[in-house]
C-alpha atoms as a PDB file:
ATOM      1  CA  PHE A   1     -27.555  24.698 -82.444  1.00  0.00           C
ATOM      2  CA  LYS A   2     -31.320  24.633 -83.072  1.00  0.00           C
ATOM      3  CA  GLY A   3     -30.911  27.657 -85.350  1.00  0.00           C
ATOM      4  CA  GLU A   4     -28.866  29.700 -82.841  1.00  0.00           C
ATOM      5  CA  PRO A   5     -25.157  30.557 -83.159  1.00  0.00           C
ATOM      6  CA  CYS A   6     -22.872  29.138 -80.421  1.00  0.00           C
ATOM      7  CA  HIS A   7     -19.264  28.304 -79.544  1.00  0.00           C
ATOM      8  CA  ILE A   8     -18.561  24.598 -79.497  1.00  0.00           C
ATOM      9  CA  ALA A   9     -15.921  23.016 -77.303  1.00  0.00           C
ATOM     10  CA  HIS A  10     -14.931  19.442 -78.354  1.00  0.00           C
ATOM     11  CA  PHE A  11     -14.080  16.906 -75.690  1.00  0.00           C
ATOM     12  CA  LYS A  12     -11.983  14.014 -76.932  1.00  0.00           C
ATOM     13  CA  ASP A  13     -11.124  10.677 -75.373  1.00  0.00           C
ATOM     14  CA  PRO A  14      -7.587  11.030 -73.941  1.00  0.00           C
ATOM     15  CA  GLU A  15      -6.577   7.588 -75.233  1.00  0.00           C
ATOM     16  CA  THR A  16      -8.233   7.404 -78.679  1.00  0.00           C
ATOM     17  CA  ARG A  17      -8.671  11.094 -79.416  1.00  0.00           C
ATOM     18  CA  GLU A  18     -12.177  10.319 -80.661  1.00  0.00           C
ATOM     19  CA  LEU A  19     -14.819  13.018 -80.188  1.00  0.00           C
ATOM     20  CA  ILE A  20     -16.959  11.979 -77.209  1.00  0.00           C
ATOM     21  CA  ALA A  21     -18.854  15.171 -76.351  1.00  0.00           C
ATOM     22  CA  GLN A  22     -19.464  18.767 -77.243  1.00  0.00           C
ATOM     23  CA  LYS A  23     -20.144  21.558 -74.768  1.00  0.00           C
ATOM     24  CA  LEU A  24     -22.027  24.522 -76.314  1.00  0.00           C
ATOM     25  CA  ARG A  25     -21.818  28.098 -75.154  1.00  0.00           C
ATOM     26  CA  MET A  26     -25.081  29.899 -76.120  1.00  0.00           C
ATOM     27  CA  ALA A  27     -25.476  33.680 -76.404  1.00  0.00           C
ATOM     28  CA  ASN A  28     -27.660  33.676 -73.283  1.00  0.00           C
ATOM     29  CA  LYS A  29     -24.876  31.887 -71.294  1.00  0.00           C
ATOM     30  CA  ASP A  30     -26.562  28.486 -71.351  1.00  0.00           C
ATOM     31  CA  PHE A  31     -24.120  25.580 -71.620  1.00  0.00           C
ATOM     32  CA  PRO A  32     -25.754  22.405 -72.937  1.00  0.00           C
ATOM     33  CA  VAL A  33     -23.600  19.310 -73.194  1.00  0.00           C
ATOM     34  CA  LEU A  34     -24.105  16.897 -76.054  1.00  0.00           C
ATOM     35  CA  LYS A  35     -22.838  13.399 -75.111  1.00  0.00           C
ATOM     36  CA  ALA A  36     -23.881   9.787 -74.921  1.00  0.00           C
ATOM     37  CA  PRO A  37     -25.889   8.929 -71.724  1.00  0.00           C
ATOM     38  CA  GLY A  38     -23.516   7.957 -68.921  1.00  0.00           C
ATOM     39  CA  ALA A  39     -20.417   9.196 -70.721  1.00  0.00           C
ATOM     40  CA  LYS A  40     -17.853  10.912 -68.430  1.00  0.00           C
ATOM     41  CA  LEU A  41     -16.106  13.949 -69.738  1.00  0.00           C
ATOM     42  CA  PRO A  42     -12.322  14.190 -69.476  1.00  0.00           C
ATOM     43  CA  LEU A  43     -10.732  17.580 -68.719  1.00  0.00           C
ATOM     44  CA  PHE A  44     -10.928  19.914 -71.685  1.00  0.00           C
ATOM     45  CA  GLY A  45      -7.715  19.473 -73.721  1.00  0.00           C
ATOM     46  CA  GLN A  46      -6.656  16.324 -71.809  1.00  0.00           C
ATOM     47  CA  HIS A  47      -6.183  14.454 -75.124  1.00  0.00           C
ATOM     48  CA  LEU A  48      -3.309  16.818 -75.843  1.00  0.00           C
ATOM     49  CA  TRP A  49      -1.215  15.858 -72.777  1.00  0.00           C
ATOM     50  CA  ARG A  50       1.841  13.901 -73.624  1.00  0.00           C
ATOM     51  CA  GLY A  51       4.744  12.716 -71.518  1.00  0.00           C
ATOM     52  CA  ASP A  52       5.885  15.571 -69.263  1.00  0.00           C
ATOM     53  CA  ARG A  53       3.022  16.532 -66.919  1.00  0.00           C
ATOM     54  CA  ARG A  54       4.905  18.748 -64.490  1.00  0.00           C
ATOM     55  CA  SER A  55       3.054  21.895 -65.365  1.00  0.00           C
ATOM     56  CA  VAL A  56      -0.717  22.494 -65.346  1.00  0.00           C
ATOM     57  CA  VAL A  57      -2.589  25.716 -65.902  1.00  0.00           C
ATOM     58  CA  ILE A  58      -6.105  25.559 -64.562  1.00  0.00           C
ATOM     59  CA  THR A  59      -8.697  27.868 -66.117  1.00  0.00           C
ATOM     60  CA  GLU A  60     -12.400  28.444 -65.569  1.00  0.00           C
ATOM     61  CA  GLY A  61     -13.564  27.669 -69.076  1.00  0.00           C
ATOM     62  CA  GLU A  62     -12.617  26.343 -72.473  1.00  0.00           C
ATOM     63  CA  ILE A  63     -12.147  29.762 -74.064  1.00  0.00           C
ATOM     64  CA  ASP A  64      -9.804  30.692 -71.245  1.00  0.00           C
ATOM     65  CA  ALA A  65      -7.859  27.423 -71.706  1.00  0.00           C
ATOM     66  CA  MET A  66      -7.472  28.023 -75.416  1.00  0.00           C
ATOM     67  CA  SER A  67      -6.307  31.627 -74.728  1.00  0.00           C
ATOM     68  CA  VAL A  68      -3.641  30.434 -72.294  1.00  0.00           C
ATOM     69  CA  SER A  69      -2.523  27.785 -74.767  1.00  0.00           C
ATOM     70  CA  GLN A  70      -2.138  30.413 -77.533  1.00  0.00           C
ATOM     71  CA  VAL A  71      -0.323  32.959 -75.404  1.00  0.00           C
ATOM     72  CA  GLN A  72       2.064  30.347 -74.031  1.00  0.00           C
ATOM     73  CA  ALA A  73       3.209  29.056 -77.405  1.00  0.00           C
ATOM     74  CA  LYS A  74       0.515  26.405 -77.490  1.00  0.00           C
ATOM     75  CA  VAL A  75       1.614  24.763 -74.216  1.00  0.00           C
ATOM     76  CA  ARG A  76      -0.438  21.648 -73.897  1.00  0.00           C
ATOM     77  CA  PHE A  77      -1.085  21.760 -70.227  1.00  0.00           C
ATOM     78  CA  PHE A  78      -4.494  23.162 -69.475  1.00  0.00           C
ATOM     79  CA  ALA A  79      -7.689  22.060 -67.906  1.00  0.00           C
ATOM     80  CA  LEU A  80     -11.231  23.119 -67.280  1.00  0.00           C
ATOM     81  CA  LEU A  81     -12.806  23.294 -63.881  1.00  0.00           C
ATOM     82  CA  PRO A  82     -16.299  21.857 -64.336  1.00  0.00           C
ATOM     83  CA  ASP A  83     -19.025  24.261 -63.522  1.00  0.00           C
ATOM     84  CA  LEU A  84     -20.590  21.678 -61.200  1.00  0.00           C
ATOM     85  CA  MET A  85     -23.294  20.618 -63.639  1.00  0.00           C
ATOM     86  CA  PRO A  86     -24.416  17.145 -62.644  1.00  0.00           C
ATOM     87  CA  SER A  87     -23.054  15.617 -65.789  1.00  0.00           C
ATOM     88  CA  MET A  88     -19.626  17.135 -65.207  1.00  0.00           C
ATOM     89  CA  ALA A  89     -19.279  16.937 -61.429  1.00  0.00           C
ATOM     90  CA  ALA A  90     -18.375  13.231 -61.764  1.00  0.00           C
ATOM     91  CA  VAL A  91     -15.020  14.276 -63.368  1.00  0.00           C
ATOM     92  CA  PHE A  92     -13.786  15.131 -59.927  1.00  0.00           C
END
């Protein structure tokens, strides 16, 4: 991003599975979000939820959510607690 390496977390529409935003994790711990103005972010990984929703693992961030998914045989129940950025606080 702008010549700097970063991790990219994709946020997809839960219904259409289309990419609607990207949250970047920069080396200096900045977290810019690339999205359309006014777009509301779903929970990270929400597009993977299907049918049975009895179990939810809540993690602090996207990398933690992916780690839990991998360790638990790719269980599809995980979420991100927004870090209270104004653009993400509306999720809750």
